[in-house]
Amino acid sequence: MSRWKALPAELDPRVRRLVVRLRRLKDRSGLSLRQLAARTGYSEKSWERWLGGRTLPPGDAVAELARVCGENPARLLALHEVAAEAWATRPRDTPDAPDAEPGAASGGGRPAAHRPLRVALVAGSVTLVLAVCAAVLLAVRLTAADPDGRASTAASAPPVPVTAPPSSPAPPPLYTCRLHRTDGRWYAGLSTTEDAVLADGLAGPDVAEAQCLLRRAGCSPGVIDGIYGPRTEAAVRQLQARAALVVDGIIGPHTWEVLRR
């Protein structure tokens, strides 16, 4: 049995209930944090934060822990949904732990999500100042006259070009696996297809559904992002080899049959 540190006193009871349940499952499994990380695909440090009550685990991680421990994930996911609501409404002036997950509130009581806005405002202000300075400098040079009263062109110079700061590309959308079993078949709540043909380069909820089911089967496709890339294809090949199917890295009806059962 692990010796757990006491959970933070300010932790919401709904979050505390979920963390205590996750700790009991981990203790019952007999796995160390390193073994748990290897079996779920989430890092050891992430599990330390989640089981320490410093950050809220994602639903996918909760479902993976249930799978590894042989537990039905439905009850855990229900507890997670309640805990997520409590976590989202916690006081914003309460700083998170120093090693909190990206996107959590940082010191000073201001959400980290506001940082891009502040950066954009500062960059816009700097750009505006540069543009005004360049315009003033050009006007002074154009209106400067020599002793004969003629406008001087020797000192004139082209205006300083002002470019807007480059915008970073938007991150790809992420999906949440909501695993459940209906009529003896597994579903992740993203698609019910059983015959869609998926291959490298495709994207969408069908791909995300396949990624969730691959992870449930123990073949990690990486991040559940709905993009059929090299890691997803490698996971498909692993599953096909294990199920004695044609190993081509393409999901068709036969591979869906293995994923759903």
Protein backbone atom coordinates (compact mmCIF):
# COMPACT_ATOMS: atom_id res chain seq x y z
CA MET A 1 0.00 0.00 0.00
CA SER A 2 1.44 3.39 -0.99
CA ARG A 3 2.02 6.07 1.59
CA TRP A 4 0.21 9.01 0.08
CA LYS A 5 0.81 12.60 1.07
CA ALA A 6 -2.16 14.47 2.43
CA LEU A 7 -4.23 16.17 -0.25
CA PRO A 8 -4.30 20.00 -0.30
CA ALA A 9 -6.71 21.32 2.33
CA GLU A 10 -8.35 23.72 -0.14
CA LEU A 11 -9.15 20.90 -2.61
CA ASP A 12 -12.86 20.76 -3.51
CA PRO A 13 -14.57 17.68 -2.00
CA ARG A 14 -15.73 16.58 -5.47
CA VAL A 15 -12.15 16.63 -6.76
CA ARG A 16 -10.92 14.97 -3.55
CA ARG A 17 -13.43 12.12 -4.03
CA LEU A 18 -12.08 11.41 -7.53
CA VAL A 19 -8.41 11.53 -6.45
CA VAL A 20 -9.01 9.21 -3.49
CA ARG A 21 -10.76 6.74 -5.80
CA LEU A 22 -7.84 6.86 -8.27
CA ARG A 23 -5.34 6.31 -5.43
CA ARG A 24 -7.24 3.23 -4.24
CA LEU A 25 -7.28 1.77 -7.75
CA LYS A 26 -3.56 2.36 -8.14
CA ASP A 27 -2.85 0.72 -4.74
CA ARG A 28 -5.08 -2.24 -5.58
CA SER A 29 -3.22 -2.80 -8.87
CA GLY A 30 0.12 -3.10 -7.08
CA LEU A 31 1.78 -1.04 -9.82
CA SER A 32 4.43 1.58 -9.19
CA LEU A 33 4.07 5.00 -10.79
CA ARG A 34 6.68 4.02 -13.37
CA GLN A 35 4.79 0.84 -14.27
CA LEU A 36 1.52 2.78 -14.38
CA ALA A 37 3.09 5.29 -16.78
CA ALA A 38 4.35 2.49 -19.04
CA ARG A 39 0.93 0.83 -19.22
CA THR A 40 -1.19 3.94 -19.71
CA GLY A 41 1.03 6.03 -21.99
CA TYR A 42 1.02 9.00 -19.56
CA SER A 43 4.25 10.14 -17.87
CA GLU A 44 5.22 9.29 -14.31
CA LYS A 45 5.34 13.00 -13.38
CA SER A 46 1.81 13.49 -14.71
CA TRP A 47 0.53 10.69 -12.47
CA GLU A 48 2.40 12.23 -9.51
CA ARG A 49 0.59 15.54 -10.06
CA TRP A 50 -2.82 13.93 -10.63
CA LEU A 51 -2.65 11.56 -7.68
CA GLY A 52 -1.27 14.36 -5.52
CA GLY A 53 -4.32 16.53 -6.22
CA ARG A 54 -2.25 19.32 -7.78
CA THR A 55 -3.91 19.15 -11.21
CA LEU A 56 -7.00 17.42 -12.57
CA PRO A 57 -6.29 14.38 -14.81
CA PRO A 58 -7.90 14.31 -18.28
CA GLY A 59 -10.77 11.91 -18.88
CA ASP A 60 -8.60 9.76 -21.16
CA ALA A 61 -6.10 9.16 -18.34
CA VAL A 62 -8.91 8.21 -15.95
CA ALA A 63 -10.28 5.72 -18.48
CA GLU A 64 -6.79 4.27 -19.03
CA LEU A 65 -6.28 3.76 -15.28
CA ALA A 66 -9.63 1.97 -15.10
CA ARG A 67 -8.65 -0.27 -18.01
CA VAL A 68 -5.27 -1.15 -16.49
CA CYS A 69 -6.89 -1.95 -13.12
CA GLY A 70 -9.75 -3.97 -14.65
CA GLU A 71 -12.35 -1.43 -13.50
CA ASN A 72 -15.45 -0.32 -15.39
CA PRO A 73 -14.59 3.26 -16.44
CA ALA A 74 -18.20 4.48 -16.41
CA ARG A 75 -18.31 5.31 -12.67
CA LEU A 76 -14.84 6.88 -12.73
CA LEU A 77 -15.75 9.04 -15.73
CA ALA A 78 -18.92 10.15 -13.95
CA LEU A 79 -16.83 11.19 -10.92
CA HIS A 80 -14.39 12.93 -13.28
CA GLU A 81 -17.20 14.92 -14.92
CA VAL A 82 -18.34 16.21 -11.53
CA ALA A 83 -14.74 16.96 -10.49
CA ALA A 84 -14.06 18.80 -13.76
CA GLU A 85 -17.03 21.07 -13.12
CA ALA A 86 -15.73 21.84 -9.63
CA TRP A 87 -12.20 22.41 -10.95
CA ALA A 88 -13.45 24.86 -13.58
CA THR A 89 -15.29 26.94 -10.98
CA ARG A 90 -12.52 27.03 -8.36
CA PRO A 91 -11.40 30.52 -7.14
CA ARG A 92 -9.10 32.07 -9.73
CA ASP A 93 -6.97 33.83 -7.13
CA THR A 94 -5.72 30.50 -5.80
CA PRO A 95 -2.36 29.71 -7.51
CA ASP A 96 -1.74 26.20 -8.73
CA ALA A 97 1.35 24.19 -7.93
CA PRO A 98 4.65 25.33 -9.58
CA ASP A 99 4.76 22.27 -11.85
CA ALA A 100 1.10 22.46 -12.89
CA GLU A 101 0.01 21.31 -16.32
CA PRO A 102 0.25 23.78 -19.24
CA GLY A 103 -2.85 25.97 -19.31
CA ALA A 104 -3.26 26.04 -15.50
CA ALA A 105 -3.24 29.30 -13.56
CA SER A 106 0.23 30.66 -12.75
CA GLY A 107 1.50 32.72 -9.82
CA GLY A 108 0.02 36.15 -9.28
CA GLY A 109 -3.55 34.91 -9.49
CA ARG A 110 -3.94 35.52 -13.24
CA PRO A 111 -4.93 32.66 -15.53
CA ALA A 112 -2.16 31.65 -17.94
CA ALA A 113 -4.78 31.66 -20.68
CA HIS A 114 -4.63 35.50 -20.57
CA ARG A 115 -0.94 35.58 -21.44
CA PRO A 116 -1.40 35.35 -25.25
CA LEU A 117 -3.81 38.32 -25.03
CA ARG A 118 -1.31 40.41 -23.05
CA VAL A 119 1.50 39.48 -25.48
CA ALA A 120 -0.68 40.43 -28.45
CA LEU A 121 -1.58 43.79 -26.85
CA VAL A 122 2.07 44.59 -26.11
CA ALA A 123 3.12 43.59 -29.63
CA GLY A 124 0.35 45.74 -31.12
CA SER A 125 1.40 48.74 -29.00
CA VAL A 126 5.04 48.38 -30.07
CA THR A 127 4.00 48.14 -33.72
CA LEU A 128 1.84 51.27 -33.42
CA VAL A 129 4.69 53.23 -31.77
CA LEU A 130 7.13 52.19 -34.51
CA ALA A 131 4.67 53.21 -37.21
CA VAL A 132 4.10 56.67 -35.63
CA CYS A 133 7.85 57.25 -35.20
CA ALA A 134 8.52 56.29 -38.81
CA ALA A 135 5.79 58.63 -40.04
CA VAL A 136 7.08 61.56 -37.95
CA LEU A 137 10.67 61.00 -39.08
CA LEU A 138 9.62 60.93 -42.73
CA ALA A 139 7.53 64.14 -42.34
CA VAL A 140 10.46 66.00 -40.72
CA ARG A 141 12.85 65.00 -43.46
CA LEU A 142 10.43 65.94 -46.24
CA THR A 143 9.72 69.39 -44.77
CA ALA A 144 13.37 70.26 -43.99
CA ALA A 145 14.54 73.07 -46.38
CA ASP A 146 18.05 74.17 -47.49
CA PRO A 147 19.23 77.88 -47.30
CA ASP A 148 17.66 78.65 -50.72
CA GLY A 149 14.26 77.53 -49.49
CA ARG A 150 14.22 74.38 -51.63
CA ALA A 151 13.21 71.12 -50.04
CA SER A 152 16.21 68.95 -49.29
CA THR A 153 16.11 65.51 -50.86
CA ALA A 154 19.62 64.39 -49.93
CA ALA A 155 18.68 63.71 -46.31
CA SER A 156 15.39 62.01 -47.16
CA ALA A 157 15.23 58.27 -46.61
CA PRO A 158 12.62 55.63 -47.29
CA PRO A 159 10.31 54.92 -44.36
CA VAL A 160 11.16 52.07 -42.06
CA PRO A 161 9.00 49.08 -43.03
CA VAL A 162 6.69 47.96 -40.25
CA THR A 163 5.52 44.38 -40.22
CA ALA A 164 2.94 42.81 -37.99
CA PRO A 165 4.18 40.03 -35.68
CA PRO A 166 3.68 36.58 -37.21
CA SER A 167 0.69 34.70 -35.90
CA SER A 168 1.21 31.18 -34.61
CA PRO A 169 -0.85 28.41 -36.23
CA ALA A 170 -3.89 27.22 -34.30
CA PRO A 171 -3.36 23.86 -32.55
CA PRO A 172 -5.26 20.86 -33.92
CA PRO A 173 -8.51 20.04 -32.12
CA LEU A 174 -8.32 17.31 -29.47
CA TYR A 175 -10.97 14.70 -28.78
CA THR A 176 -12.10 13.08 -25.53
CA CYS A 177 -12.60 9.32 -25.38
CA ARG A 178 -15.82 8.32 -23.61
CA LEU A 179 -15.47 4.56 -23.70
CA HIS A 180 -18.57 2.45 -23.17
CA ARG A 181 -19.71 -1.03 -24.15
CA THR A 182 -23.06 -1.55 -25.90
CA ASP A 183 -24.34 -4.96 -27.06
CA GLY A 184 -20.90 -6.45 -26.58
CA ARG A 185 -19.12 -3.82 -28.71
CA TRP A 186 -16.85 -0.96 -27.65
CA TYR A 187 -17.52 2.68 -28.55
CA ALA A 188 -15.70 5.90 -27.65
CA GLY A 189 -18.57 8.34 -28.28
CA LEU A 190 -17.02 9.90 -31.41
CA SER A 191 -18.26 7.66 -34.24
CA THR A 192 -20.29 4.46 -34.67
CA THR A 193 -18.81 3.46 -38.02
CA GLU A 194 -17.79 -0.14 -38.57
CA ASP A 195 -16.68 -0.04 -42.20
CA ALA A 196 -15.05 3.38 -42.83
CA VAL A 197 -11.68 2.92 -44.56
CA LEU A 198 -9.01 5.01 -42.81
CA ALA A 199 -5.41 5.50 -43.90
CA ASP A 200 -2.45 7.85 -43.50
CA GLY A 201 -3.36 11.50 -44.13
CA LEU A 202 -7.04 11.32 -43.15
CA ALA A 203 -8.52 13.25 -40.22
CA GLY A 204 -11.81 13.59 -38.35
CA PRO A 205 -13.96 11.95 -35.67
CA ASP A 206 -13.75 8.50 -37.33
CA VAL A 207 -9.96 8.62 -36.89
CA ALA A 208 -10.33 9.84 -33.30
CA GLU A 209 -12.75 6.95 -32.57
CA ALA A 210 -10.19 4.48 -33.93
CA GLN A 211 -7.41 6.10 -31.86
CA CYS A 212 -9.47 5.75 -28.67
CA LEU A 213 -10.17 2.07 -29.39
CA LEU A 214 -6.51 1.43 -30.27
CA ARG A 215 -5.47 2.87 -26.92
CA ARG A 216 -8.08 0.72 -25.16
CA ALA A 217 -6.63 -2.33 -26.91
CA GLY A 218 -3.14 -1.50 -25.63
CA CYS A 219 -1.77 -0.14 -28.93
CA SER A 220 -0.99 3.50 -28.21
CA PRO A 221 -1.57 5.90 -31.15
CA GLY A 222 -0.19 8.88 -29.23
CA VAL A 223 -2.37 11.96 -28.76
CA ILE A 224 -6.06 11.51 -29.58
CA ASP A 225 -6.10 14.32 -32.16
CA GLY A 226 -8.18 12.76 -34.95
CA ILE A 227 -5.22 12.82 -37.38
CA TYR A 228 -4.11 9.55 -39.01
CA GLY A 229 -0.34 9.95 -38.79
CA PRO A 230 2.70 7.65 -38.42
CA ARG A 231 2.03 6.79 -34.74
CA THR A 232 -1.58 5.86 -35.47
CA GLU A 233 -0.50 3.72 -38.43
CA ALA A 234 2.14 1.97 -36.28
CA ALA A 235 -0.53 1.22 -33.64
CA VAL A 236 -2.85 -0.19 -36.33
CA ARG A 237 -0.08 -2.46 -37.65
CA GLN A 238 0.59 -3.69 -34.11
CA LEU A 239 -3.10 -4.53 -33.62
CA GLN A 240 -3.36 -6.24 -37.03
CA ALA A 241 -0.29 -8.39 -36.35
CA ARG A 242 -1.68 -9.40 -32.95
CA ALA A 243 -5.07 -10.31 -34.46
CA ALA A 244 -3.53 -12.27 -37.39
CA LEU A 245 -4.94 -9.80 -39.95
CA VAL A 246 -3.23 -8.48 -43.06
CA VAL A 247 -0.70 -5.98 -41.71
CA ASP A 248 -1.15 -2.99 -44.03
CA GLY A 249 -1.68 -0.12 -41.56
CA ILE A 250 -5.13 0.61 -43.05
CA ILE A 251 -8.32 0.39 -41.00
CA GLY A 252 -11.11 -1.43 -42.82
CA PRO A 253 -14.10 -3.58 -41.78
CA HIS A 254 -11.94 -6.43 -40.42
CA THR A 255 -9.81 -4.10 -38.31
CA TRP A 256 -12.94 -2.29 -37.04
CA GLU A 257 -14.32 -5.69 -36.01
CA VAL A 258 -11.25 -6.30 -33.84
CA LEU A 259 -11.37 -2.76 -32.39
CA ARG A 260 -15.06 -2.99 -31.47
CA ARG A 261 -15.08 -6.40 -29.81
